[in-house]
Amino acid sequence: RAGESLNSVAARVAPDLPRQAVIDEIARMNEMSGSGLQVGQALLVPAYR
């Protein structure tokens, strides 16, 4: 979505976990070297129970 960042994605998928840990996991899963996202970019995100 336009205007989203790894920070906002992390907050949505795991609001109760440490934000930076979730951001790091998303970046690792997607082999990202930076934190920039493109509009429409598909991301793998961790599933937490």
PDB file of N, CA and C in Angstrom:
ATOM      1  N   ARG A   1       0.835  -1.191   0.000  1.00  0.00           N
ATOM      2  CA  ARG A   1       0.000   0.000   0.000  1.00  0.00           C
ATOM      3  C   ARG A   1       0.872   1.243   0.000  1.00  0.00           C
ATOM      4  N   ALA A   2       0.390   2.258  -0.629  1.00  0.00           N
ATOM      5  CA  ALA A   2       1.132   3.516  -0.659  1.00  0.00           C
ATOM      6  C   ALA A   2       1.321   4.043   0.753  1.00  0.00           C
ATOM      7  N   GLY A   3       2.520   4.505   1.036  1.00  0.00           N
ATOM      8  CA  GLY A   3       2.816   5.092   2.344  1.00  0.00           C
ATOM      9  C   GLY A   3       3.226   4.100   3.411  1.00  0.00           C
ATOM     10  N   GLU A   4       3.221   2.808   3.094  1.00  0.00           N
ATOM     11  CA  GLU A   4       3.608   1.823   4.102  1.00  0.00           C
ATOM     12  C   GLU A   4       5.122   1.709   4.197  1.00  0.00           C
ATOM     13  N   SER A   5       5.559   1.299   5.362  1.00  0.00           N
ATOM     14  CA  SER A   5       6.978   1.081   5.632  1.00  0.00           C
ATOM     15  C   SER A   5       7.107  -0.263   6.329  1.00  0.00           C
ATOM     16  N   LEU A   6       8.331  -0.733   6.469  1.00  0.00           N
ATOM     17  CA  LEU A   6       8.520  -1.964   7.239  1.00  0.00           C
ATOM     18  C   LEU A   6       8.010  -1.782   8.659  1.00  0.00           C
ATOM     19  N   ASN A   7       8.165  -0.599   9.196  1.00  0.00           N
ATOM     20  CA  ASN A   7       7.686  -0.312  10.540  1.00  0.00           C
ATOM     21  C   ASN A   7       6.171  -0.501  10.632  1.00  0.00           C
ATOM     22  N   SER A   8       5.430   0.035   9.680  1.00  0.00           N
ATOM     23  CA  SER A   8       3.972  -0.087   9.734  1.00  0.00           C
ATOM     24  C   SER A   8       3.522  -1.521   9.472  1.00  0.00           C
ATOM     25  N   VAL A   9       4.217  -2.234   8.602  1.00  0.00           N
ATOM     26  CA  VAL A   9       3.893  -3.640   8.360  1.00  0.00           C
ATOM     27  C   VAL A   9       4.148  -4.450   9.629  1.00  0.00           C
ATOM     28  N   ALA A  10       5.288  -4.226  10.262  1.00  0.00           N
ATOM     29  CA  ALA A  10       5.622  -4.946  11.496  1.00  0.00           C
ATOM     30  C   ALA A  10       4.594  -4.673  12.587  1.00  0.00           C
ATOM     31  N   ALA A  11       4.154  -3.432  12.704  1.00  0.00           N
ATOM     32  CA  ALA A  11       3.154  -3.080  13.711  1.00  0.00           C
ATOM     33  C   ALA A  11       1.837  -3.800  13.450  1.00  0.00           C
ATOM     34  N   ARG A  12       1.504  -3.996  12.194  1.00  0.00           N
ATOM     35  CA  ARG A  12       0.242  -4.652  11.846  1.00  0.00           C
ATOM     36  C   ARG A  12       0.302  -6.160  12.065  1.00  0.00           C
ATOM     37  N   VAL A  13       1.421  -6.807  11.695  1.00  0.00           N
ATOM     38  CA  VAL A  13       1.478  -8.268  11.784  1.00  0.00           C
ATOM     39  C   VAL A  13       1.820  -8.774  13.180  1.00  0.00           C
ATOM     40  N   ALA A  14       2.477  -7.959  13.991  1.00  0.00           N
ATOM     41  CA  ALA A  14       2.882  -8.404  15.334  1.00  0.00           C
ATOM     42  C   ALA A  14       2.910  -7.216  16.293  1.00  0.00           C
ATOM     43  N   PRO A  15       1.747  -6.660  16.622  1.00  0.00           N
ATOM     44  CA  PRO A  15       1.715  -5.441  17.440  1.00  0.00           C
ATOM     45  C   PRO A  15       2.286  -5.600  18.845  1.00  0.00           C
ATOM     46  N   ASP A  16       2.332  -6.828  19.361  1.00  0.00           N
ATOM     47  CA  ASP A  16       2.795  -7.040  20.737  1.00  0.00           C
ATOM     48  C   ASP A  16       4.255  -7.445  20.846  1.00  0.00           C
ATOM     49  N   LEU A  17       4.932  -7.598  19.723  1.00  0.00           N
ATOM     50  CA  LEU A  17       6.336  -8.015  19.738  1.00  0.00           C
ATOM     51  C   LEU A  17       7.241  -6.809  19.520  1.00  0.00           C
ATOM     52  N   PRO A  18       8.515  -6.928  19.922  1.00  0.00           N
ATOM     53  CA  PRO A  18       9.456  -5.820  19.686  1.00  0.00           C
ATOM     54  C   PRO A  18       9.524  -5.491  18.195  1.00  0.00           C
ATOM     55  N   ARG A  19       9.238  -4.253  17.867  1.00  0.00           N
ATOM     56  CA  ARG A  19       9.112  -3.825  16.472  1.00  0.00           C
ATOM     57  C   ARG A  19      10.358  -4.122  15.662  1.00  0.00           C
ATOM     58  N   GLN A  20      11.548  -3.806  16.186  1.00  0.00           N
ATOM     59  CA  GLN A  20      12.769  -3.994  15.400  1.00  0.00           C
ATOM     60  C   GLN A  20      13.018  -5.466  15.098  1.00  0.00           C
ATOM     61  N   ALA A  21      12.679  -6.352  16.022  1.00  0.00           N
ATOM     62  CA  ALA A  21      12.855  -7.785  15.780  1.00  0.00           C
ATOM     63  C   ALA A  21      11.977  -8.250  14.622  1.00  0.00           C
ATOM     64  N   VAL A  22      10.759  -7.746  14.558  1.00  0.00           N
ATOM     65  CA  VAL A  22       9.844  -8.117  13.475  1.00  0.00           C
ATOM     66  C   VAL A  22      10.329  -7.527  12.149  1.00  0.00           C
ATOM     67  N   ILE A  23      10.773  -6.277  12.167  1.00  0.00           N
ATOM     68  CA  ILE A  23      11.324  -5.650  10.961  1.00  0.00           C
ATOM     69  C   ILE A  23      12.515  -6.452  10.453  1.00  0.00           C
ATOM     70  N   ASP A  24      13.404  -6.841  11.352  1.00  0.00           N
ATOM     71  CA  ASP A  24      14.581  -7.627  10.960  1.00  0.00           C
ATOM     72  C   ASP A  24      14.169  -8.954  10.343  1.00  0.00           C
ATOM     73  N   GLU A  25      13.142  -9.595  10.902  1.00  0.00           N
ATOM     74  CA  GLU A  25      12.673 -10.880  10.378  1.00  0.00           C
ATOM     75  C   GLU A  25      12.050 -10.706   8.990  1.00  0.00           C
ATOM     76  N   ILE A  26      11.248  -9.674   8.800  1.00  0.00           N
ATOM     77  CA  ILE A  26      10.661  -9.409   7.482  1.00  0.00           C
ATOM     78  C   ILE A  26      11.772  -9.155   6.462  1.00  0.00           C
ATOM     79  N   ALA A  27      12.749  -8.341   6.822  1.00  0.00           N
ATOM     80  CA  ALA A  27      13.863  -8.043   5.919  1.00  0.00           C
ATOM     81  C   ALA A  27      14.639  -9.311   5.578  1.00  0.00           C
ATOM     82  N   ARG A  28      14.879 -10.156   6.565  1.00  0.00           N
ATOM     83  CA  ARG A  28      15.602 -11.407   6.326  1.00  0.00           C
ATOM     84  C   ARG A  28      14.808 -12.323   5.398  1.00  0.00           C
ATOM     85  N   MET A  29      13.515 -12.470   5.671  1.00  0.00           N
ATOM     86  CA  MET A  29      12.671 -13.355   4.863  1.00  0.00           C
ATOM     87  C   MET A  29      12.610 -12.921   3.398  1.00  0.00           C
ATOM     88  N   ASN A  30      12.739 -11.623   3.164  1.00  0.00           N
ATOM     89  CA  ASN A  30      12.614 -11.073   1.816  1.00  0.00           C
ATOM     90  C   ASN A  30      13.953 -10.693   1.197  1.00  0.00           C
ATOM     91  N   GLU A  31      15.045 -11.084   1.876  1.00  0.00           N
ATOM     92  CA  GLU A  31      16.405 -10.817   1.398  1.00  0.00           C
ATOM     93  C   GLU A  31      16.586  -9.346   1.041  1.00  0.00           C
ATOM     94  N   MET A  32      16.136  -8.476   1.943  1.00  0.00           N
ATOM     95  CA  MET A  32      16.215  -7.029   1.731  1.00  0.00           C
ATOM     96  C   MET A  32      17.487  -6.491   2.359  1.00  0.00           C
ATOM     97  N   SER A  33      18.161  -5.597   1.648  1.00  0.00           N
ATOM     98  CA  SER A  33      19.361  -4.982   2.210  1.00  0.00           C
ATOM     99  C   SER A  33      19.051  -3.624   2.834  1.00  0.00           C
ATOM    100  N   GLY A  34      17.918  -3.037   2.472  1.00  0.00           N
ATOM    101  CA  GLY A  34      17.507  -1.750   3.032  1.00  0.00           C
ATOM    102  C   GLY A  34      16.073  -1.828   3.507  1.00  0.00           C
ATOM    103  N   SER A  35      15.551  -0.698   3.932  1.00  0.00           N
ATOM    104  CA  SER A  35      14.189  -0.707   4.463  1.00  0.00           C
ATOM    105  C   SER A  35      13.175  -0.111   3.493  1.00  0.00           C
ATOM    106  N   GLY A  36      13.618   0.245   2.281  1.00  0.00           N
ATOM    107  CA  GLY A  36      12.705   0.854   1.321  1.00  0.00           C
ATOM    108  C   GLY A  36      11.758  -0.160   0.708  1.00  0.00           C
ATOM    109  N   LEU A  37      10.512   0.252   0.532  1.00  0.00           N
ATOM    110  CA  LEU A  37       9.507  -0.586  -0.117  1.00  0.00           C
ATOM    111  C   LEU A  37       9.003   0.126  -1.363  1.00  0.00           C
ATOM    112  N   GLN A  38       8.584  -0.662  -2.333  1.00  0.00           N
ATOM    113  CA  GLN A  38       7.968  -0.124  -3.542  1.00  0.00           C
ATOM    114  C   GLN A  38       6.458  -0.351  -3.447  1.00  0.00           C
ATOM    115  N   VAL A  39       5.672   0.573  -3.983  1.00  0.00           N
ATOM    116  CA  VAL A  39       4.221   0.389  -4.013  1.00  0.00           C
ATOM    117  C   VAL A  39       3.914  -0.886  -4.786  1.00  0.00           C
ATOM    118  N   GLY A  40       3.108  -1.751  -4.206  1.00  0.00           N
ATOM    119  CA  GLY A  40       2.736  -3.005  -4.845  1.00  0.00           C
ATOM    120  C   GLY A  40       3.707  -4.146  -4.611  1.00  0.00           C
ATOM    121  N   GLN A  41       4.796  -3.880  -3.915  1.00  0.00           N
ATOM    122  CA  GLN A  41       5.790  -4.920  -3.648  1.00  0.00           C
ATOM    123  C   GLN A  41       5.187  -6.000  -2.753  1.00  0.00           C
ATOM    124  N   ALA A  42       5.326  -7.251  -3.157  1.00  0.00           N
ATOM    125  CA  ALA A  42       4.863  -8.371  -2.342  1.00  0.00           C
ATOM    126  C   ALA A  42       5.906  -8.664  -1.274  1.00  0.00           C
ATOM    127  N   LEU A  43       5.440  -8.918  -0.062  1.00  0.00           N
ATOM    128  CA  LEU A  43       6.340  -9.235   1.044  1.00  0.00           C
ATOM    129  C   LEU A  43       5.933 -10.531   1.708  1.00  0.00           C
ATOM    130  N   LEU A  44       6.914 -11.330   2.053  1.00  0.00           N
ATOM    131  CA  LEU A  44       6.675 -12.440   2.963  1.00  0.00           C
ATOM    132  C   LEU A  44       6.705 -11.851   4.365  1.00  0.00           C
ATOM    133  N   VAL A  45       5.781 -12.266   5.210  1.00  0.00           N
ATOM    134  CA  VAL A  45       5.779 -11.800   6.593  1.00  0.00           C
ATOM    135  C   VAL A  45       5.665 -13.006   7.509  1.00  0.00           C
ATOM    136  N   PRO A  46       6.275 -12.927   8.690  1.00  0.00           N
ATOM    137  CA  PRO A  46       6.205 -14.043   9.623  1.00  0.00           C
ATOM    138  C   PRO A  46       4.787 -14.209  10.164  1.00  0.00           C
ATOM    139  N   ALA A  47       4.441 -15.447  10.466  1.00  0.00           N
ATOM    140  CA  ALA A  47       3.141 -15.746  11.078  1.00  0.00           C
ATOM    141  C   ALA A  47       3.383 -16.033  12.555  1.00  0.00           C
ATOM    142  N   TYR A  48       2.806 -15.229  13.397  1.00  0.00           N
ATOM    143  CA  TYR A  48       2.945 -15.408  14.839  1.00  0.00           C
ATOM    144  C   TYR A  48       1.622 -15.886  15.399  1.00  0.00           C
ATOM    145  N   ARG A  49       1.694 -16.737  16.396  1.00  0.00           N
ATOM    146  CA  ARG A  49       0.468 -17.236  17.040  1.00  0.00           C
ATOM    147  C   ARG A  49       0.266 -16.555  18.348  1.00  0.00           C
TER     148      ARG A  49
END
